[in-house]
C-alpha atoms as a PDB file:
ATOM      1  CA  UNK A   1      -0.160   0.094  -0.087  1.00  0.00           C
ATOM      2  CA  UNK A   2       1.552   3.157  -0.475  1.00  0.00           C
ATOM      3  CA  UNK A   3       1.810   6.044   1.441  1.00  0.00           C
ATOM      4  CA  UNK A   4      -1.071   8.075  -0.403  1.00  0.00           C
ATOM      5  CA  UNK A   5      -3.254   5.106   0.200  1.00  0.00           C
ATOM      6  CA  UNK A   6      -2.794   4.371   3.812  1.00  0.00           C
ATOM      7  CA  UNK A   7      -2.916   8.464   4.643  1.00  0.00           C
ATOM      8  CA  UNK A   8      -6.547   7.886   2.708  1.00  0.00           C
ATOM      9  CA  UNK A   9      -7.218   5.049   4.658  1.00  0.00           C
ATOM     10  CA  UNK A  10      -6.247   6.758   8.090  1.00  0.00           C
ATOM     11  CA  UNK A  11      -8.390   9.990   7.271  1.00  0.00           C
ATOM     12  CA  UNK A  12     -11.476   8.024   6.564  1.00  0.00           C
ATOM     13  CA  UNK A  13     -11.017   5.085   9.186  1.00  0.00           C
ATOM     14  CA  UNK A  14      -8.988   6.823  11.939  1.00  0.00           C
ATOM     15  CA  UNK A  15      -5.513   6.239  12.666  1.00  0.00           C
ATOM     16  CA  UNK A  16      -3.629   7.413  16.415  1.00  0.00           C
ATOM     17  CA  UNK A  17      -0.700   8.399  14.490  1.00  0.00           C
ATOM     18  CA  UNK A  18      -2.963  11.486  12.765  1.00  0.00           C
ATOM     19  CA  UNK A  19      -2.330  13.176  15.839  1.00  0.00           C
ATOM     20  CA  UNK A  20       1.182  13.762  15.160  1.00  0.00           C
ATOM     21  CA  UNK A  21      -0.059  15.697  12.477  1.00  0.00           C
ATOM     22  CA  UNK A  22      -2.133  18.076  14.004  1.00  0.00           C
ATOM     23  CA  UNK A  23       0.715  21.057  14.617  1.00  0.00           C
ATOM     24  CA  UNK A  24       1.106  21.356  10.661  1.00  0.00           C
ATOM     25  CA  UNK A  25      -2.762  20.858  10.464  1.00  0.00           C
ATOM     26  CA  UNK A  26      -2.921  24.148  12.730  1.00  0.00           C
ATOM     27  CA  UNK A  27      -0.611  26.020  10.162  1.00  0.00           C
ATOM     28  CA  UNK A  28      -2.018  24.824   6.898  1.00  0.00           C
ATOM     29  CA  UNK A  29      -5.947  26.158   7.939  1.00  0.00           C
ATOM     30  CA  UNK A  30      -3.807  29.865   8.798  1.00  0.00           C
ATOM     31  CA  UNK A  31      -2.628  29.721   5.966  1.00  0.00           C
ATOM     32  CA  UNK A  32      -6.107  29.002   3.538  1.00  0.00           C
ATOM     33  CA  UNK A  33      -7.878  30.801   5.835  1.00  0.00           C
ATOM     34  CA  UNK A  34      -5.947  33.855   5.623  1.00  0.00           C
ATOM     35  CA  UNK A  35      -5.964  33.549   1.947  1.00  0.00           C
ATOM     36  CA  UNK A  36      -9.733  33.281   1.786  1.00  0.00           C
ATOM     37  CA  UNK A  37     -10.411  36.610   4.021  1.00  0.00           C
ATOM     38  CA  UNK A  38      -8.307  38.325   1.527  1.00  0.00           C
ATOM     39  CA  UNK A  39     -10.251  36.928  -1.415  1.00  0.00           C
ATOM     40  CA  UNK A  40     -13.895  38.374   0.719  1.00  0.00           C
ATOM     41  CA  UNK A  41     -11.972  41.513   1.791  1.00  0.00           C
ATOM     42  CA  UNK A  42     -11.123  41.845  -2.153  1.00  0.00           C
ATOM     43  CA  UNK A  43      -7.390  42.457  -1.652  1.00  0.00           C
ATOM     44  CA  UNK A  44      -4.946  41.159  -4.491  1.00  0.00           C
ATOM     45  CA  UNK A  45      -4.823  40.733  -8.278  1.00  0.00           C
ATOM     46  CA  UNK A  46      -8.840  39.080  -8.806  1.00  0.00           C
ATOM     47  CA  UNK A  47     -10.335  38.856 -11.810  1.00  0.00           C
ATOM     48  CA  UNK A  48     -14.201  39.253 -12.444  1.00  0.00           C
ATOM     49  CA  UNK A  49     -15.134  37.857 -15.849  1.00  0.00           C
ATOM     50  CA  UNK A  50     -17.634  39.473 -17.769  1.00  0.00           C
ATOM     51  CA  UNK A  51     -19.624  36.886 -17.962  1.00  0.00           C
ATOM     52  CA  UNK A  52     -20.698  34.343 -14.992  1.00  0.00           C
ATOM     53  CA  UNK A  53     -18.379  31.575 -13.813  1.00  0.00           C
ATOM     54  CA  UNK A  54     -19.647  28.664 -11.675  1.00  0.00           C
ATOM     55  CA  UNK A  55     -17.067  26.655  -9.486  1.00  0.00           C
ATOM     56  CA  UNK A  56     -17.568  22.672  -9.522  1.00  0.00           C
ATOM     57  CA  UNK A  57     -14.856  21.707  -6.996  1.00  0.00           C
ATOM     58  CA  UNK A  58     -14.921  20.231  -3.721  1.00  0.00           C
ATOM     59  CA  UNK A  59     -13.033  20.333   0.172  1.00  0.00           C
ATOM     60  CA  UNK A  60     -11.431  16.884   0.021  1.00  0.00           C
ATOM     61  CA  UNK A  61      -8.787  15.483  -1.313  1.00  0.00           C
ATOM     62  CA  UNK A  62      -9.870  12.612  -3.616  1.00  0.00           C
ATOM     63  CA  UNK A  63     -12.715  11.913  -6.717  1.00  0.00           C
ATOM     64  CA  UNK A  64     -15.720  12.981  -5.853  1.00  0.00           C
ATOM     65  CA  UNK A  65     -17.510  13.124  -9.898  1.00  0.00           C
ATOM     66  CA  UNK A  66     -16.481  16.396 -10.890  1.00  0.00           C
ATOM     67  CA  UNK A  67     -15.985  15.922 -14.395  1.00  0.00           C
ATOM     68  CA  UNK A  68     -19.720  13.835 -15.060  1.00  0.00           C
ATOM     69  CA  UNK A  69     -20.860  16.213 -13.309  1.00  0.00           C
ATOM     70  CA  UNK A  70     -19.466  19.316 -15.345  1.00  0.00           C
ATOM     71  CA  UNK A  71     -20.384  17.271 -18.766  1.00  0.00           C
ATOM     72  CA  UNK A  72     -24.099  17.589 -17.644  1.00  0.00           C
ATOM     73  CA  UNK A  73     -23.832  20.728 -17.017  1.00  0.00           C
ATOM     74  CA  UNK A  74     -22.468  21.735 -20.285  1.00  0.00           C
ATOM     75  CA  UNK A  75     -25.414  19.894 -22.215  1.00  0.00           C
ATOM     76  CA  UNK A  76     -28.057  20.739 -19.947  1.00  0.00           C
ATOM     77  CA  UNK A  77     -27.026  24.888 -20.789  1.00  0.00           C
ATOM     78  CA  UNK A  78     -26.658  23.820 -24.305  1.00  0.00           C
ATOM     79  CA  UNK A  79     -30.132  22.743 -24.602  1.00  0.00           C
ATOM     80  CA  UNK A  80     -31.138  26.295 -23.193  1.00  0.00           C
ATOM     81  CA  UNK A  81     -29.140  27.716 -26.267  1.00  0.00           C
ATOM     82  CA  UNK A  82     -26.200  28.923 -23.967  1.00  0.00           C
ATOM     83  CA  UNK A  83     -22.858  28.748 -25.470  1.00  0.00           C
ATOM     84  CA  UNK A  84     -20.440  27.336 -22.555  1.00  0.00           C
ATOM     85  CA  UNK A  85     -16.939  26.928 -22.220  1.00  0.00           C
ATOM     86  CA  UNK A  86     -14.883  25.619 -19.484  1.00  0.00           C
ATOM     87  CA  UNK A  87     -11.260  26.102 -17.958  1.00  0.00           C
ATOM     88  CA  UNK A  88      -9.120  24.147 -16.165  1.00  0.00           C
ATOM     89  CA  UNK A  89      -6.183  23.763 -14.049  1.00  0.00           C
ATOM     90  CA  UNK A  90      -4.849  20.798 -16.483  1.00  0.00           C
ATOM     91  CA  UNK A  91      -3.277  18.704 -13.626  1.00  0.00           C
ATOM     92  CA  UNK A  92      -0.194  16.506 -15.213  1.00  0.00           C
ATOM     93  CA  UNK A  93      -0.695  18.902 -18.764  1.00  0.00           C
ATOM     94  CA  UNK A  94       2.576  19.908 -20.385  1.00  0.00           C
ATOM     95  CA  UNK A  95       1.979  22.062 -22.928  1.00  0.00           C
ATOM     96  CA  UNK A  96       3.743  24.435 -25.361  1.00  0.00           C
ATOM     97  CA  UNK A  97       2.508  27.108 -23.470  1.00  0.00           C
ATOM     98  CA  UNK A  98      -0.114  28.594 -21.165  1.00  0.00           C
ATOM     99  CA  UNK A  99      -2.908  29.344 -21.504  1.00  0.00           C
ATOM    100  CA  UNK A 100      -3.316  26.247 -23.982  1.00  0.00           C
ATOM    101  CA  UNK A 101      -6.674  25.708 -25.983  1.00  0.00           C
ATOM    102  CA  UNK A 102      -7.585  21.611 -25.743  1.00  0.00           C
ATOM    103  CA  UNK A 103      -8.326  20.136 -28.829  1.00  0.00           C
ATOM    104  CA  UNK A 104      -9.537  16.787 -29.391  1.00  0.00           C
ATOM    105  CA  UNK A 105      -6.784  15.413 -31.579  1.00  0.00           C
ATOM    106  CA  UNK A 106      -4.383  16.892 -28.915  1.00  0.00           C
ATOM    107  CA  UNK A 107      -2.342  14.034 -25.957  1.00  0.00           C
ATOM    108  CA  UNK A 108      -3.193  13.703 -22.247  1.00  0.00           C
ATOM    109  CA  UNK A 109       0.324  14.589 -22.354  1.00  0.00           C
ATOM    110  CA  UNK A 110      -0.053  18.221 -23.821  1.00  0.00           C
ATOM    111  CA  UNK A 111      -3.669  18.141 -22.711  1.00  0.00           C
ATOM    112  CA  UNK A 112      -4.207  16.604 -19.387  1.00  0.00           C
ATOM    113  CA  UNK A 113      -6.607  13.718 -18.718  1.00  0.00           C
ATOM    114  CA  UNK A 114      -9.451  15.603 -17.608  1.00  0.00           C
ATOM    115  CA  UNK A 115      -9.342  17.979 -19.843  1.00  0.00           C
ATOM    116  CA  UNK A 116      -8.951  15.895 -23.102  1.00  0.00           C
ATOM    117  CA  UNK A 117     -12.011  13.814 -21.747  1.00  0.00           C
ATOM    118  CA  UNK A 118     -14.447  16.695 -21.720  1.00  0.00           C
ATOM    119  CA  UNK A 119     -13.326  18.146 -25.158  1.00  0.00           C
ATOM    120  CA  UNK A 120     -13.707  14.640 -26.789  1.00  0.00           C
ATOM    121  CA  UNK A 121     -16.676  14.033 -25.258  1.00  0.00           C
ATOM    122  CA  UNK A 122     -18.703  16.833 -26.059  1.00  0.00           C
ATOM    123  CA  UNK A 123     -16.267  19.377 -27.878  1.00  0.00           C
ATOM    124  CA  UNK A 124     -16.702  22.096 -25.713  1.00  0.00           C
ATOM    125  CA  UNK A 125     -14.404  25.063 -26.066  1.00  0.00           C
ATOM    126  CA  UNK A 126     -11.480  24.681 -23.070  1.00  0.00           C
ATOM    127  CA  UNK A 127      -8.502  26.411 -21.750  1.00  0.00           C
ATOM    128  CA  UNK A 128      -5.881  25.250 -19.258  1.00  0.00           C
ATOM    129  CA  UNK A 129      -4.204  27.177 -16.960  1.00  0.00           C
ATOM    130  CA  UNK A 130      -2.933  26.916 -13.395  1.00  0.00           C
ATOM    131  CA  UNK A 131      -3.417  30.402 -12.917  1.00  0.00           C
ATOM    132  CA  UNK A 132      -7.711  30.112 -13.946  1.00  0.00           C
ATOM    133  CA  UNK A 133      -8.257  33.997 -14.467  1.00  0.00           C
ATOM    134  CA  UNK A 134      -5.395  33.608 -17.208  1.00  0.00           C
ATOM    135  CA  UNK A 135      -7.210  30.803 -18.828  1.00  0.00           C
ATOM    136  CA  UNK A 136     -10.960  32.511 -18.459  1.00  0.00           C
ATOM    137  CA  UNK A 137      -9.517  35.601 -20.478  1.00  0.00           C
ATOM    138  CA  UNK A 138      -7.596  33.761 -23.109  1.00  0.00           C
ATOM    139  CA  UNK A 139     -10.987  31.926 -23.458  1.00  0.00           C
ATOM    140  CA  UNK A 140     -13.447  34.880 -24.287  1.00  0.00           C
ATOM    141  CA  UNK A 141     -10.897  36.152 -26.112  1.00  0.00           C
ATOM    142  CA  UNK A 142     -11.104  33.563 -28.695  1.00  0.00           C
ATOM    143  CA  UNK A 143     -14.449  33.532 -29.082  1.00  0.00           C
ATOM    144  CA  UNK A 144     -18.009  34.354 -27.385  1.00  0.00           C
ATOM    145  CA  UNK A 145     -19.403  33.071 -24.440  1.00  0.00           C
ATOM    146  CA  UNK A 146     -22.320  33.068 -22.428  1.00  0.00           C
ATOM    147  CA  UNK A 147     -21.285  31.000 -18.900  1.00  0.00           C
ATOM    148  CA  UNK A 148     -18.114  29.334 -18.019  1.00  0.00           C
ATOM    149  CA  UNK A 149     -17.581  26.382 -15.857  1.00  0.00           C
ATOM    150  CA  UNK A 150     -14.354  26.236 -13.746  1.00  0.00           C
ATOM    151  CA  UNK A 151     -13.286  22.717 -13.069  1.00  0.00           C
ATOM    152  CA  UNK A 152     -12.299  22.544  -9.870  1.00  0.00           C
ATOM    153  CA  UNK A 153     -11.013  25.935  -8.274  1.00  0.00           C
ATOM    154  CA  UNK A 154     -12.647  26.513  -5.265  1.00  0.00           C
ATOM    155  CA  UNK A 155      -9.715  27.378  -3.512  1.00  0.00           C
ATOM    156  CA  UNK A 156      -8.471  29.319  -6.682  1.00  0.00           C
ATOM    157  CA  UNK A 157      -8.962  32.767  -5.418  1.00  0.00           C
ATOM    158  CA  UNK A 158      -7.801  34.714  -8.170  1.00  0.00           C
ATOM    159  CA  UNK A 159     -10.786  34.262 -10.003  1.00  0.00           C
ATOM    160  CA  UNK A 160     -14.396  35.835  -9.221  1.00  0.00           C
ATOM    161  CA  UNK A 161     -17.109  33.362  -9.279  1.00  0.00           C
ATOM    162  CA  UNK A 162     -20.943  33.656  -9.142  1.00  0.00           C
ATOM    163  CA  UNK A 163     -21.874  30.349  -7.839  1.00  0.00           C
ATOM    164  CA  UNK A 164     -19.980  27.758  -6.177  1.00  0.00           C
ATOM    165  CA  UNK A 165     -20.881  24.117  -6.357  1.00  0.00           C
ATOM    166  CA  UNK A 166     -19.000  21.653  -4.219  1.00  0.00           C
ATOM    167  CA  UNK A 167     -19.190  17.599  -4.534  1.00  0.00           C
ATOM    168  CA  UNK A 168     -19.240  15.545  -1.686  1.00  0.00           C
ATOM    169  CA  UNK A 169     -18.520  11.421  -1.915  1.00  0.00           C
ATOM    170  CA  UNK A 170     -21.885  10.411   0.331  1.00  0.00           C
ATOM    171  CA  UNK A 171     -20.260   6.958   1.304  1.00  0.00           C
ATOM    172  CA  UNK A 172     -16.994   8.582   2.592  1.00  0.00           C
ATOM    173  CA  UNK A 173     -18.373  11.851   3.406  1.00  0.00           C
ATOM    174  CA  UNK A 174     -16.122  14.163   5.157  1.00  0.00           C
ATOM    175  CA  UNK A 175     -13.384  11.566   6.970  1.00  0.00           C
ATOM    176  CA  UNK A 176     -12.438  12.887   9.858  1.00  0.00           C
ATOM    177  CA  UNK A 177     -13.096  16.181   9.027  1.00  0.00           C
ATOM    178  CA  UNK A 178     -10.172  17.759   9.372  1.00  0.00           C
ATOM    179  CA  UNK A 179      -7.595  19.344   7.169  1.00  0.00           C
ATOM    180  CA  UNK A 180      -4.496  18.468   5.874  1.00  0.00           C
ATOM    181  CA  UNK A 181      -2.176  16.683   6.734  1.00  0.00           C
ATOM    182  CA  UNK A 182      -4.024  15.504   9.716  1.00  0.00           C
ATOM    183  CA  UNK A 183      -7.694  14.992   7.051  1.00  0.00           C
ATOM    184  CA  UNK A 184      -8.516  15.090   3.866  1.00  0.00           C
ATOM    185  CA  UNK A 185     -10.381  18.960   3.849  1.00  0.00           C
ATOM    186  CA  UNK A 186      -8.549  21.169   1.671  1.00  0.00           C
ATOM    187  CA  UNK A 187     -10.682  23.933   3.668  1.00  0.00           C
ATOM    188  CA  UNK A 188     -12.355  23.908   7.053  1.00  0.00           C
ATOM    189  CA  UNK A 189     -15.350  22.399   7.168  1.00  0.00           C
ATOM    190  CA  UNK A 190     -17.233  25.626   7.736  1.00  0.00           C
ATOM    191  CA  UNK A 191     -16.277  26.066   4.593  1.00  0.00           C
ATOM    192  CA  UNK A 192     -19.530  24.742   3.203  1.00  0.00           C
ATOM    193  CA  UNK A 193     -22.019  27.043   5.318  1.00  0.00           C
ATOM    194  CA  UNK A 194     -20.800  29.685   2.647  1.00  0.00           C
ATOM    195  CA  UNK A 195     -21.004  27.738  -0.965  1.00  0.00           C
ATOM    196  CA  UNK A 196     -24.490  27.893  -3.008  1.00  0.00           C
ATOM    197  CA  UNK A 197     -25.057  24.417  -3.418  1.00  0.00           C
ATOM    198  CA  UNK A 198     -23.902  20.976  -1.981  1.00  0.00           C
ATOM    199  CA  UNK A 199     -24.255  17.841  -4.577  1.00  0.00           C
ATOM    200  CA  UNK A 200     -23.968  14.447  -2.646  1.00  0.00           C
ATOM    201  CA  UNK A 201     -22.433  11.702  -5.159  1.00  0.00           C
ATOM    202  CA  UNK A 202     -24.284   8.241  -4.418  1.00  0.00           C
ATOM    203  CA  UNK A 203     -26.887   9.736  -2.285  1.00  0.00           C
ATOM    204  CA  UNK A 204     -30.181   8.141  -2.207  1.00  0.00           C
ATOM    205  CA  UNK A 205     -32.139  11.396  -2.250  1.00  0.00           C
ATOM    206  CA  UNK A 206     -31.779  14.888  -1.788  1.00  0.00           C
ATOM    207  CA  UNK A 207     -29.813  16.005   2.024  1.00  0.00           C
ATOM    208  CA  UNK A 208     -31.207  18.393   4.554  1.00  0.00           C
ATOM    209  CA  UNK A 209     -28.312  20.536   3.712  1.00  0.00           C
ATOM    210  CA  UNK A 210     -27.721  19.854  -0.180  1.00  0.00           C
ATOM    211  CA  UNK A 211     -29.052  17.345  -3.784  1.00  0.00           C
ATOM    212  CA  UNK A 212     -28.165  13.993  -4.945  1.00  0.00           C
ATOM    213  CA  UNK A 213     -27.053  13.022  -7.645  1.00  0.00           C
ATOM    214  CA  UNK A 214     -25.419   9.803  -9.246  1.00  0.00           C
ATOM    215  CA  UNK A 215     -23.012   7.836 -11.520  1.00  0.00           C
ATOM    216  CA  UNK A 216     -25.039   5.745 -14.259  1.00  0.00           C
ATOM    217  CA  UNK A 217     -23.341   3.516 -16.524  1.00  0.00           C
ATOM    218  CA  UNK A 218     -24.389   4.205 -20.073  1.00  0.00           C
ATOM    219  CA  UNK A 219     -22.406   2.135 -22.370  1.00  0.00           C
ATOM    220  CA  UNK A 220     -19.427   0.073 -23.212  1.00  0.00           C
ATOM    221  CA  UNK A 221     -16.781   1.779 -25.821  1.00  0.00           C
ATOM    222  CA  UNK A 222     -13.839  -0.226 -27.328  1.00  0.00           C
ATOM    223  CA  UNK A 223     -10.901   1.440 -27.206  1.00  0.00           C
ATOM    224  CA  UNK A 224      -9.664   0.363 -30.765  1.00  0.00           C
ATOM    225  CA  UNK A 225     -13.107   1.076 -32.628  1.00  0.00           C
ATOM    226  CA  UNK A 226     -15.181   3.222 -30.750  1.00  0.00           C
ATOM    227  CA  UNK A 227     -17.867   0.985 -30.958  1.00  0.00           C
ATOM    228  CA  UNK A 228     -20.224   1.452 -28.076  1.00  0.00           C
ATOM    229  CA  UNK A 229     -22.268  -1.726 -26.530  1.00  0.00           C
ATOM    230  CA  UNK A 230     -24.747  -1.931 -23.814  1.00  0.00           C
ATOM    231  CA  UNK A 231     -24.174  -2.233 -20.127  1.00  0.00           C
ATOM    232  CA  UNK A 232     -25.383  -5.746 -20.479  1.00  0.00           C
ATOM    233  CA  UNK A 233     -22.221  -6.562 -22.801  1.00  0.00           C
ATOM    234  CA  UNK A 234     -20.457  -9.339 -20.719  1.00  0.00           C
ATOM    235  CA  UNK A 235     -22.595 -12.009 -19.594  1.00  0.00           C
ATOM    236  CA  UNK A 236     -23.304 -11.990 -15.499  1.00  0.00           C
ATOM    237  CA  UNK A 237     -20.195 -13.340 -13.807  1.00  0.00           C
ATOM    238  CA  UNK A 238     -17.500 -12.353 -16.519  1.00  0.00           C
ATOM    239  CA  UNK A 239     -14.361 -11.961 -14.923  1.00  0.00           C
ATOM    240  CA  UNK A 240     -12.663  -8.750 -16.153  1.00  0.00           C
ATOM    241  CA  UNK A 241      -9.555  -6.789 -15.558  1.00  0.00           C
ATOM    242  CA  UNK A 242     -10.635  -3.449 -14.152  1.00  0.00           C
ATOM    243  CA  UNK A 243      -8.429  -0.284 -14.366  1.00  0.00           C
ATOM    244  CA  UNK A 244      -8.766   2.484 -12.688  1.00  0.00           C
ATOM    245  CA  UNK A 245      -6.564   5.487 -11.907  1.00  0.00           C
ATOM    246  CA  UNK A 246      -8.883   7.930 -10.168  1.00  0.00           C
ATOM    247  CA  UNK A 247      -9.228   9.633  -7.001  1.00  0.00           C
ATOM    248  CA  UNK A 248     -11.231   6.869  -5.514  1.00  0.00           C
ATOM    249  CA  UNK A 249     -10.949   3.505  -8.132  1.00  0.00           C
ATOM    250  CA  UNK A 250     -13.152   2.039  -5.345  1.00  0.00           C
ATOM    251  CA  UNK A 251     -16.400   3.492  -6.513  1.00  0.00           C
ATOM    252  CA  UNK A 252     -15.518   2.531 -10.182  1.00  0.00           C
ATOM    253  CA  UNK A 253     -14.662  -1.111  -9.043  1.00  0.00           C
ATOM    254  CA  UNK A 254     -18.018  -1.438  -6.757  1.00  0.00           C
ATOM    255  CA  UNK A 255     -19.830  -0.057  -9.749  1.00  0.00           C
ATOM    256  CA  UNK A 256     -18.753  -2.845 -11.951  1.00  0.00           C
ATOM    257  CA  UNK A 257     -19.791  -5.023  -9.148  1.00  0.00           C
ATOM    258  CA  UNK A 258     -23.510  -3.465  -9.727  1.00  0.00           C
ATOM    259  CA  UNK A 259     -23.081  -4.607 -13.079  1.00  0.00           C
ATOM    260  CA  UNK A 260     -22.923  -8.349 -11.826  1.00  0.00           C
ATOM    261  CA  UNK A 261     -19.127  -8.630 -13.170  1.00  0.00           C
ATOM    262  CA  UNK A 262     -15.978  -9.756 -11.540  1.00  0.00           C
ATOM    263  CA  UNK A 263     -13.967  -7.095 -11.466  1.00  0.00           C
ATOM    264  CA  UNK A 264      -9.964  -8.063 -10.955  1.00  0.00           C
ATOM    265  CA  UNK A 265      -9.084  -4.871  -9.189  1.00  0.00           C
ATOM    266  CA  UNK A 266      -6.203  -2.729 -10.407  1.00  0.00           C
ATOM    267  CA  UNK A 267      -5.850   0.590  -8.654  1.00  0.00           C
ATOM    268  CA  UNK A 268      -3.644   3.287  -9.990  1.00  0.00           C
ATOM    269  CA  UNK A 269      -2.594   6.808  -8.598  1.00  0.00           C
ATOM    270  CA  UNK A 270      -4.857   9.336 -10.040  1.00  0.00           C
ATOM    271  CA  UNK A 271      -3.527  10.913 -13.125  1.00  0.00           C
ATOM    272  CA  UNK A 272      -1.668   7.946 -13.776  1.00  0.00           C
ATOM    273  CA  UNK A 273       0.541   7.275 -16.919  1.00  0.00           C
ATOM    274  CA  UNK A 274       0.417   3.856 -18.286  1.00  0.00           C
ATOM    275  CA  UNK A 275       2.241   1.981 -20.520  1.00  0.00           C
ATOM    276  CA  UNK A 276       0.983  -1.318 -22.824  1.00  0.00           C
ATOM    277  CA  UNK A 277       3.590  -3.435 -20.321  1.00  0.00           C
ATOM    278  CA  UNK A 278       1.989  -1.548 -17.244  1.00  0.00           C
ATOM    279  CA  UNK A 279      -1.325  -3.275 -18.282  1.00  0.00           C
ATOM    280  CA  UNK A 280      -0.230  -6.581 -19.838  1.00  0.00           C
ATOM    281  CA  UNK A 281      -2.087  -8.684 -17.169  1.00  0.00           C
ATOM    282  CA  UNK A 282      -2.657 -12.355 -16.640  1.00  0.00           C
ATOM    283  CA  UNK A 283      -4.664 -14.177 -17.553  1.00  0.00           C
ATOM    284  CA  UNK A 284      -5.847 -12.753 -20.754  1.00  0.00           C
ATOM    285  CA  UNK A 285      -9.388 -11.353 -20.124  1.00  0.00           C
ATOM    286  CA  UNK A 286     -11.429  -8.476 -21.313  1.00  0.00           C
ATOM    287  CA  UNK A 287     -10.174  -5.322 -19.687  1.00  0.00           C
ATOM    288  CA  UNK A 288     -12.341  -2.461 -18.155  1.00  0.00           C
ATOM    289  CA  UNK A 289     -11.423   1.120 -17.099  1.00  0.00           C
ATOM    290  CA  UNK A 290     -12.428   4.524 -16.849  1.00  0.00           C
ATOM    291  CA  UNK A 291     -13.303   7.284 -19.455  1.00  0.00           C
ATOM    292  CA  UNK A 292     -10.322   9.231 -17.502  1.00  0.00           C
ATOM    293  CA  UNK A 293      -7.954   6.587 -18.149  1.00  0.00           C
ATOM    294  CA  UNK A 294      -8.903   5.553 -21.872  1.00  0.00           C
ATOM    295  CA  UNK A 295      -7.868   8.852 -23.507  1.00  0.00           C
ATOM    296  CA  UNK A 296      -4.213   7.772 -22.119  1.00  0.00           C
ATOM    297  CA  UNK A 297      -4.504   4.082 -23.363  1.00  0.00           C
ATOM    298  CA  UNK A 298      -6.001   4.396 -26.836  1.00  0.00           C
ATOM    299  CA  UNK A 299      -2.309   4.408 -28.469  1.00  0.00           C
ATOM    300  CA  UNK A 300      -1.706   0.929 -27.829  1.00  0.00           C
ATOM    301  CA  UNK A 301      -4.832  -0.784 -26.518  1.00  0.00           C
ATOM    302  CA  UNK A 302      -5.856  -4.298 -27.294  1.00  0.00           C
ATOM    303  CA  UNK A 303      -9.161  -5.476 -29.023  1.00  0.00           C
ATOM    304  CA  UNK A 304     -10.435  -6.287 -25.610  1.00  0.00           C
ATOM    305  CA  UNK A 305     -10.172  -3.042 -23.862  1.00  0.00           C
ATOM    306  CA  UNK A 306     -13.191  -1.011 -23.216  1.00  0.00           C
ATOM    307  CA  UNK A 307     -13.801   1.739 -21.142  1.00  0.00           C
ATOM    308  CA  UNK A 308     -17.140   2.103 -18.900  1.00  0.00           C
ATOM    309  CA  UNK A 309     -19.342   5.717 -19.927  1.00  0.00           C
ATOM    310  CA  UNK A 310     -20.696   7.211 -17.088  1.00  0.00           C
ATOM    311  CA  UNK A 311     -23.301   9.995 -16.632  1.00  0.00           C
ATOM    312  CA  UNK A 312     -23.969  11.970 -14.085  1.00  0.00           C
ATOM    313  CA  UNK A 313     -27.687  12.279 -13.138  1.00  0.00           C
ATOM    314  CA  UNK A 314     -28.695  15.355 -10.821  1.00  0.00           C
ATOM    315  CA  UNK A 315     -31.770  14.779  -8.409  1.00  0.00           C
ATOM    316  CA  UNK A 316     -34.812  16.860 -10.373  1.00  0.00           C
ATOM    317  CA  UNK A 317     -34.526  19.689  -7.513  1.00  0.00           C
ATOM    318  CA  UNK A 318     -31.376  20.294  -8.414  1.00  0.00           C
ATOM    319  CA  UNK A 319     -32.101  20.885 -11.797  1.00  0.00           C
ATOM    320  CA  UNK A 320     -34.792  23.007 -10.951  1.00  0.00           C
ATOM    321  CA  UNK A 321     -32.339  25.199  -8.483  1.00  0.00           C
ATOM    322  CA  UNK A 322     -29.496  25.558 -10.953  1.00  0.00           C
ATOM    323  CA  UNK A 323     -32.500  26.568 -13.655  1.00  0.00           C
ATOM    324  CA  UNK A 324     -33.346  29.259 -11.431  1.00  0.00           C
ATOM    325  CA  UNK A 325     -29.972  30.343 -10.921  1.00  0.00           C
ATOM    326  CA  UNK A 326     -29.486  30.650 -14.581  1.00  0.00           C
ATOM    327  CA  UNK A 327     -32.584  33.125 -14.491  1.00  0.00           C
ATOM    328  CA  UNK A 328     -31.023  35.393 -11.963  1.00  0.00           C
ATOM    329  CA  UNK A 329     -27.053  35.075 -13.428  1.00  0.00           C
ATOM    330  CA  UNK A 330     -28.203  35.597 -17.177  1.00  0.00           C
ATOM    331  CA  UNK A 331     -29.619  38.417 -19.000  1.00  0.00           C
ATOM    332  CA  UNK A 332     -33.830  37.543 -19.991  1.00  0.00           C
ATOM    333  CA  UNK A 333     -32.562  37.316 -23.618  1.00  0.00           C
ATOM    334  CA  UNK A 334     -29.969  34.460 -23.648  1.00  0.00           C
ATOM    335  CA  UNK A 335     -32.829  32.001 -21.885  1.00  0.00           C
ATOM    336  CA  UNK A 336     -35.694  30.632 -23.559  1.00  0.00           C
END
């Protein structure tokens, strides 16, 4: 088990040694609270976009389903006739320059795996730059847009925002509710009181303090050919090699179990690079991975390699709430 895996286990299941990290947690909390206080006071270089900015983020380390929700938001806004753009840090990307407009033909090494996935899935204008304000400026200079979605960036206080959506894994929650490095929180839990909406990934129903959404498997897609098959393509009980290099691999493996397959789990670090050698598993079986992993593996994919496409399905209450926010943020002429 890697150090990061041991930390995650301690944060969510408890370990007495975490008490030794409390002094570092205190220092971390002071830094992030000071940073937010400066933002609220309007101090420093804060960019205010001429079009509304919606931040989709979290306060925990690890995956909470941001990318599928952003894909849903893109399509939902487009159905209303809105021109939507996305900005992202582009974690792990190595573009020739910054800001960098991601194209569907780019490699994951250049564009980053999550930005490339978003562009390949829906062709949205997307700009990457660790400085999200620079990414927004470049995106707006490239074409007219009505709305910007910021992938992550909740703690990126150089960019003003009009709406903050925070995602929480309903099964894991907030762990021990402590900040880094003594816990999984990027900001103190009190930060949740100031965001516009909480969305609980995997919740059975809306919560008192937030909305439910879940990820629904929609298709199996072949990496070599792009062929789409229904999720019952494999027989019940079919063993498969399951590959996940995401923030919460166990959620992916459990999803495959709900489809009544027998996944042999191969968990990798979030944003992990891959090669044909690394994924050369025995015995030879179909291999199923996440869509985020697939964008890095198409060049050397084998005939029986697939990714599981998933779609975010937010609750009707969230859809109604979000539409109300769009009406508040956008000129009436832009909405149907």
